Amino acid sequence: MPDITWENPFCAEGNNCFRIGTDAQGNAYITVAGQEDRYLTDTREALRALIRDVKSGKADHLL
């Protein structure tokens, strides 16, 4: 498993909390809080777009 630095969990009202992380090579990761050993990885920009959509309510049930 890569050495991932996780940010604090983001919790939407009534939904799962998720966490965003990065590694030393600049890869970005997302996971459900508490399941950091099971994650998705993509570019930072792709995950930024996902987070913007989640926060705006477009994808609130994605995870």
PDB file of N, CA and C in Angstrom:
ATOM      1  N   MET A   1       0.853  -1.171   0.000  1.00  0.00           N
ATOM      2  CA  MET A   1       0.000   0.000   0.000  1.00  0.00           C
ATOM      3  C   MET A   1       0.899   1.234   0.000  1.00  0.00           C
ATOM      4  N   PRO A   2       0.557   2.232  -0.831  1.00  0.00           N
ATOM      5  CA  PRO A   2       1.368   3.455  -0.850  1.00  0.00           C
ATOM      6  C   PRO A   2       1.264   4.207   0.464  1.00  0.00           C
ATOM      7  N   ASP A   3       2.236   5.070   0.715  1.00  0.00           N
ATOM      8  CA  ASP A   3       2.219   5.904   1.915  1.00  0.00           C
ATOM      9  C   ASP A   3       1.309   7.094   1.645  1.00  0.00           C
ATOM     10  N   ILE A   4       0.061   7.024   2.116  1.00  0.00           N
ATOM     11  CA  ILE A   4      -0.961   8.028   1.836  1.00  0.00           C
ATOM     12  C   ILE A   4      -1.143   8.932   3.049  1.00  0.00           C
ATOM     13  N   THR A   5      -1.162  10.234   2.797  1.00  0.00           N
ATOM     14  CA  THR A   5      -1.464  11.212   3.837  1.00  0.00           C
ATOM     15  C   THR A   5      -2.936  11.571   3.691  1.00  0.00           C
ATOM     16  N   TRP A   6      -3.748  11.172   4.685  1.00  0.00           N
ATOM     17  CA  TRP A   6      -5.195  11.388   4.636  1.00  0.00           C
ATOM     18  C   TRP A   6      -5.577  12.706   5.285  1.00  0.00           C
ATOM     19  N   GLU A   7      -6.533  13.416   4.681  1.00  0.00           N
ATOM     20  CA  GLU A   7      -7.102  14.614   5.279  1.00  0.00           C
ATOM     21  C   GLU A   7      -8.182  14.204   6.271  1.00  0.00           C
ATOM     22  N   ASN A   8      -8.664  15.150   7.061  1.00  0.00           N
ATOM     23  CA  ASN A   8      -9.770  14.865   7.971  1.00  0.00           C
ATOM     24  C   ASN A   8     -10.994  14.454   7.176  1.00  0.00           C
ATOM     25  N   PRO A   9     -11.853  13.593   7.748  1.00  0.00           N
ATOM     26  CA  PRO A   9     -13.047  13.147   7.029  1.00  0.00           C
ATOM     27  C   PRO A   9     -14.000  14.297   6.724  1.00  0.00           C
ATOM     28  N   PHE A  10     -14.653  14.197   5.567  1.00  0.00           N
ATOM     29  CA  PHE A  10     -15.731  15.100   5.195  1.00  0.00           C
ATOM     30  C   PHE A  10     -17.023  14.314   5.345  1.00  0.00           C
ATOM     31  N   CYS A  11     -17.934  14.812   6.149  1.00  0.00           N
ATOM     32  CA  CYS A  11     -19.183  14.103   6.409  1.00  0.00           C
ATOM     33  C   CYS A  11     -20.365  14.952   5.971  1.00  0.00           C
ATOM     34  N   ALA A  12     -21.119  14.453   5.007  1.00  0.00           N
ATOM     35  CA  ALA A  12     -22.353  15.117   4.598  1.00  0.00           C
ATOM     36  C   ALA A  12     -23.453  14.687   5.570  1.00  0.00           C
ATOM     37  N   GLU A  13     -24.455  15.496   5.719  1.00  0.00           N
ATOM     38  CA  GLU A  13     -25.535  15.208   6.659  1.00  0.00           C
ATOM     39  C   GLU A  13     -26.248  13.902   6.285  1.00  0.00           C
ATOM     40  N   GLY A  14     -26.211  12.930   7.197  1.00  0.00           N
ATOM     41  CA  GLY A  14     -26.917  11.665   6.998  1.00  0.00           C
ATOM     42  C   GLY A  14     -26.257  10.697   6.040  1.00  0.00           C
ATOM     43  N   ASN A  15     -25.043  10.986   5.588  1.00  0.00           N
ATOM     44  CA  ASN A  15     -24.363  10.112   4.639  1.00  0.00           C
ATOM     45  C   ASN A  15     -23.044   9.621   5.221  1.00  0.00           C
ATOM     46  N   ASN A  16     -22.401   8.715   4.485  1.00  0.00           N
ATOM     47  CA  ASN A  16     -21.087   8.250   4.885  1.00  0.00           C
ATOM     48  C   ASN A  16     -20.081   9.389   4.859  1.00  0.00           C
ATOM     49  N   CYS A  17     -19.085   9.289   5.698  1.00  0.00           N
ATOM     50  CA  CYS A  17     -17.975  10.238   5.674  1.00  0.00           C
ATOM     51  C   CYS A  17     -16.924   9.698   4.705  1.00  0.00           C
ATOM     52  N   PHE A  18     -16.287  10.590   3.977  1.00  0.00           N
ATOM     53  CA  PHE A  18     -15.213  10.140   3.114  1.00  0.00           C
ATOM     54  C   PHE A  18     -13.968  10.957   3.391  1.00  0.00           C
ATOM     55  N   ARG A  19     -12.827  10.390   2.949  1.00  0.00           N
ATOM     56  CA  ARG A  19     -11.536  11.033   3.158  1.00  0.00           C
ATOM     57  C   ARG A  19     -10.794  11.125   1.840  1.00  0.00           C
ATOM     58  N   ILE A  20     -10.031  12.181   1.710  1.00  0.00           N
ATOM     59  CA  ILE A  20      -9.181  12.408   0.552  1.00  0.00           C
ATOM     60  C   ILE A  20      -7.742  12.316   1.019  1.00  0.00           C
ATOM     61  N   GLY A  21      -6.895  11.724   0.197  1.00  0.00           N
ATOM     62  CA  GLY A  21      -5.483  11.625   0.544  1.00  0.00           C
ATOM     63  C   GLY A  21      -4.600  11.816  -0.670  1.00  0.00           C
ATOM     64  N   THR A  22      -3.330  12.034  -0.420  1.00  0.00           N
ATOM     65  CA  THR A  22      -2.332  12.152  -1.482  1.00  0.00           C
ATOM     66  C   THR A  22      -1.082  11.391  -1.068  1.00  0.00           C
ATOM     67  N   ASP A  23      -0.270  11.052  -2.055  1.00  0.00           N
ATOM     68  CA  ASP A  23       1.017  10.422  -1.759  1.00  0.00           C
ATOM     69  C   ASP A  23       2.141  11.319  -2.267  1.00  0.00           C
ATOM     70  N   ALA A  24       3.368  10.916  -2.046  1.00  0.00           N
ATOM     71  CA  ALA A  24       4.533  11.730  -2.405  1.00  0.00           C
ATOM     72  C   ALA A  24       4.686  11.912  -3.912  1.00  0.00           C
ATOM     73  N   GLN A  25       4.071  11.027  -4.715  1.00  0.00           N
ATOM     74  CA  GLN A  25       4.160  11.135  -6.164  1.00  0.00           C
ATOM     75  C   GLN A  25       3.056  12.015  -6.756  1.00  0.00           C
ATOM     76  N   GLY A  26       2.184  12.558  -5.905  1.00  0.00           N
ATOM     77  CA  GLY A  26       1.134  13.443  -6.383  1.00  0.00           C
ATOM     78  C   GLY A  26      -0.154  12.756  -6.771  1.00  0.00           C
ATOM     79  N   ASN A  27      -0.275  11.463  -6.492  1.00  0.00           N
ATOM     80  CA  ASN A  27      -1.524  10.758  -6.764  1.00  0.00           C
ATOM     81  C   ASN A  27      -2.553  11.131  -5.709  1.00  0.00           C
ATOM     82  N   ALA A  28      -3.822  11.080  -6.075  1.00  0.00           N
ATOM     83  CA  ALA A  28      -4.902  11.408  -5.150  1.00  0.00           C
ATOM     84  C   ALA A  28      -5.724  10.150  -4.873  1.00  0.00           C
ATOM     85  N   TYR A  29      -6.284  10.081  -3.666  1.00  0.00           N
ATOM     86  CA  TYR A  29      -7.031   8.910  -3.220  1.00  0.00           C
ATOM     87  C   TYR A  29      -8.313   9.361  -2.538  1.00  0.00           C
ATOM     88  N   ILE A  30      -9.337   8.528  -2.606  1.00  0.00           N
ATOM     89  CA  ILE A  30     -10.579   8.782  -1.890  1.00  0.00           C
ATOM     90  C   ILE A  30     -11.072   7.463  -1.316  1.00  0.00           C
ATOM     91  N   THR A  31     -11.647   7.535  -0.112  1.00  0.00           N
ATOM     92  CA  THR A  31     -12.156   6.347   0.559  1.00  0.00           C
ATOM     93  C   THR A  31     -13.273   6.730   1.514  1.00  0.00           C
ATOM     94  N   VAL A  32     -14.035   5.750   1.937  1.00  0.00           N
ATOM     95  CA  VAL A  32     -15.004   5.948   3.008  1.00  0.00           C
ATOM     96  C   VAL A  32     -14.215   5.933   4.311  1.00  0.00           C
ATOM     97  N   ALA A  33     -14.470   6.891   5.193  1.00  0.00           N
ATOM     98  CA  ALA A  33     -13.749   6.957   6.463  1.00  0.00           C
ATOM     99  C   ALA A  33     -13.871   5.635   7.207  1.00  0.00           C
ATOM    100  N   GLY A  34     -12.762   5.174   7.732  1.00  0.00           N
ATOM    101  CA  GLY A  34     -12.718   3.904   8.444  1.00  0.00           C
ATOM    102  C   GLY A  34     -12.357   2.726   7.560  1.00  0.00           C
ATOM    103  N   GLN A  35     -12.281   2.947   6.261  1.00  0.00           N
ATOM    104  CA  GLN A  35     -11.916   1.884   5.319  1.00  0.00           C
ATOM    105  C   GLN A  35     -10.732   2.314   4.459  1.00  0.00           C
ATOM    106  N   GLU A  36      -9.727   2.896   5.096  1.00  0.00           N
ATOM    107  CA  GLU A  36      -8.600   3.468   4.385  1.00  0.00           C
ATOM    108  C   GLU A  36      -7.774   2.427   3.628  1.00  0.00           C
ATOM    109  N   ASP A  37      -7.967   1.151   3.921  1.00  0.00           N
ATOM    110  CA  ASP A  37      -7.249   0.122   3.176  1.00  0.00           C
ATOM    111  C   ASP A  37      -7.974  -0.218   1.865  1.00  0.00           C
ATOM    112  N   ARG A  38      -9.157   0.340   1.649  1.00  0.00           N
ATOM    113  CA  ARG A  38      -9.940   0.154   0.414  1.00  0.00           C
ATOM    114  C   ARG A  38     -10.221   1.534  -0.169  1.00  0.00           C
ATOM    115  N   TYR A  39      -9.523   1.897  -1.226  1.00  0.00           N
ATOM    116  CA  TYR A  39      -9.619   3.249  -1.761  1.00  0.00           C
ATOM    117  C   TYR A  39      -9.639   3.236  -3.285  1.00  0.00           C
ATOM    118  N   LEU A  40     -10.056   4.353  -3.855  1.00  0.00           N
ATOM    119  CA  LEU A  40      -9.953   4.607  -5.292  1.00  0.00           C
ATOM    120  C   LEU A  40      -8.865   5.635  -5.491  1.00  0.00           C
ATOM    121  N   THR A  41      -8.196   5.553  -6.618  1.00  0.00           N
ATOM    122  CA  THR A  41      -7.165   6.536  -6.921  1.00  0.00           C
ATOM    123  C   THR A  41      -7.392   7.124  -8.307  1.00  0.00           C
ATOM    124  N   ASP A  42      -7.048   8.364  -8.478  1.00  0.00           N
ATOM    125  CA  ASP A  42      -7.208   9.069  -9.744  1.00  0.00           C
ATOM    126  C   ASP A  42      -6.343  10.322  -9.676  1.00  0.00           C
ATOM    127  N   THR A  43      -6.456  11.167 -10.663  1.00  0.00           N
ATOM    128  CA  THR A  43      -5.704  12.413 -10.631  1.00  0.00           C
ATOM    129  C   THR A  43      -6.332  13.353  -9.608  1.00  0.00           C
ATOM    130  N   ARG A  44      -5.564  14.298  -9.151  1.00  0.00           N
ATOM    131  CA  ARG A  44      -6.089  15.274  -8.190  1.00  0.00           C
ATOM    132  C   ARG A  44      -7.254  16.053  -8.792  1.00  0.00           C
ATOM    133  N   GLU A  45      -7.159  16.434 -10.068  1.00  0.00           N
ATOM    134  CA  GLU A  45      -8.227  17.220 -10.688  1.00  0.00           C
ATOM    135  C   GLU A  45      -9.523  16.412 -10.787  1.00  0.00           C
ATOM    136  N   ALA A  46      -9.433  15.131 -11.093  1.00  0.00           N
ATOM    137  CA  ALA A  46     -10.638  14.301 -11.163  1.00  0.00           C
ATOM    138  C   ALA A  46     -11.305  14.216  -9.795  1.00  0.00           C
ATOM    139  N   LEU A  47     -10.514  14.060  -8.748  1.00  0.00           N
ATOM    140  CA  LEU A  47     -11.096  13.990  -7.407  1.00  0.00           C
ATOM    141  C   LEU A  47     -11.613  15.348  -6.951  1.00  0.00           C
ATOM    142  N   ARG A  48     -10.968  16.433  -7.349  1.00  0.00           N
ATOM    143  CA  ARG A  48     -11.500  17.763  -7.034  1.00  0.00           C
ATOM    144  C   ARG A  48     -12.885  17.944  -7.659  1.00  0.00           C
ATOM    145  N   ALA A  49     -13.030  17.514  -8.910  1.00  0.00           N
ATOM    146  CA  ALA A  49     -14.325  17.616  -9.587  1.00  0.00           C
ATOM    147  C   ALA A  49     -15.372  16.778  -8.863  1.00  0.00           C
ATOM    148  N   LEU A  50     -15.004  15.583  -8.430  1.00  0.00           N
ATOM    149  CA  LEU A  50     -15.917  14.730  -7.680  1.00  0.00           C
ATOM    150  C   LEU A  50     -16.348  15.398  -6.384  1.00  0.00           C
ATOM    151  N   ILE A  51     -15.403  15.959  -5.656  1.00  0.00           N
ATOM    152  CA  ILE A  51     -15.716  16.609  -4.382  1.00  0.00           C
ATOM    153  C   ILE A  51     -16.614  17.819  -4.597  1.00  0.00           C
ATOM    154  N   ARG A  52     -16.334  18.608  -5.635  1.00  0.00           N
ATOM    155  CA  ARG A  52     -17.200  19.756  -5.929  1.00  0.00           C
ATOM    156  C   ARG A  52     -18.633  19.298  -6.187  1.00  0.00           C
ATOM    157  N   ASP A  53     -18.793  18.200  -6.933  1.00  0.00           N
ATOM    158  CA  ASP A  53     -20.133  17.683  -7.211  1.00  0.00           C
ATOM    159  C   ASP A  53     -20.810  17.160  -5.953  1.00  0.00           C
ATOM    160  N   VAL A  54     -20.048  16.474  -5.093  1.00  0.00           N
ATOM    161  CA  VAL A  54     -20.623  15.971  -3.847  1.00  0.00           C
ATOM    162  C   VAL A  54     -21.076  17.136  -2.971  1.00  0.00           C
ATOM    163  N   LYS A  55     -20.218  18.130  -2.819  1.00  0.00           N
ATOM    164  CA  LYS A  55     -20.550  19.276  -1.959  1.00  0.00           C
ATOM    165  C   LYS A  55     -21.713  20.090  -2.508  1.00  0.00           C
ATOM    166  N   SER A  56     -21.898  20.096  -3.812  1.00  0.00           N
ATOM    167  CA  SER A  56     -23.008  20.858  -4.395  1.00  0.00           C
ATOM    168  C   SER A  56     -24.309  20.059  -4.423  1.00  0.00           C
ATOM    169  N   GLY A  57     -24.247  18.780  -4.007  1.00  0.00           N
ATOM    170  CA  GLY A  57     -25.448  17.963  -3.952  1.00  0.00           C
ATOM    171  C   GLY A  57     -25.719  17.164  -5.219  1.00  0.00           C
ATOM    172  N   LYS A  58     -24.847  17.237  -6.203  1.00  0.00           N
ATOM    173  CA  LYS A  58     -25.061  16.511  -7.451  1.00  0.00           C
ATOM    174  C   LYS A  58     -24.811  15.015  -7.308  1.00  0.00           C
ATOM    175  N   ALA A  59     -23.938  14.632  -6.386  1.00  0.00           N
ATOM    176  CA  ALA A  59     -23.549  13.229  -6.253  1.00  0.00           C
ATOM    177  C   ALA A  59     -23.502  12.827  -4.782  1.00  0.00           C
ATOM    178  N   ASP A  60     -24.513  13.187  -4.013  1.00  0.00           N
ATOM    179  CA  ASP A  60     -24.447  12.974  -2.571  1.00  0.00           C
ATOM    180  C   ASP A  60     -24.562  11.526  -2.137  1.00  0.00           C
ATOM    181  N   HIS A  61     -24.952  10.619  -3.004  1.00  0.00           N
ATOM    182  CA  HIS A  61     -25.055   9.208  -2.639  1.00  0.00           C
ATOM    183  C   HIS A  61     -24.032   8.355  -3.375  1.00  0.00           C
ATOM    184  N   LEU A  62     -22.991   8.982  -3.886  1.00  0.00           N
ATOM    185  CA  LEU A  62     -21.971   8.279  -4.664  1.00  0.00           C
ATOM    186  C   LEU A  62     -21.277   7.206  -3.846  1.00  0.00           C
ATOM    187  N   LEU A  63     -20.866   7.533  -2.635  1.00  0.00           N
ATOM    188  CA  LEU A  63     -20.148   6.581  -1.815  1.00  0.00           C
ATOM    189  C   LEU A  63     -21.126   5.877  -0.911  1.00  0.00           C
TER     190      LEU A  63
END
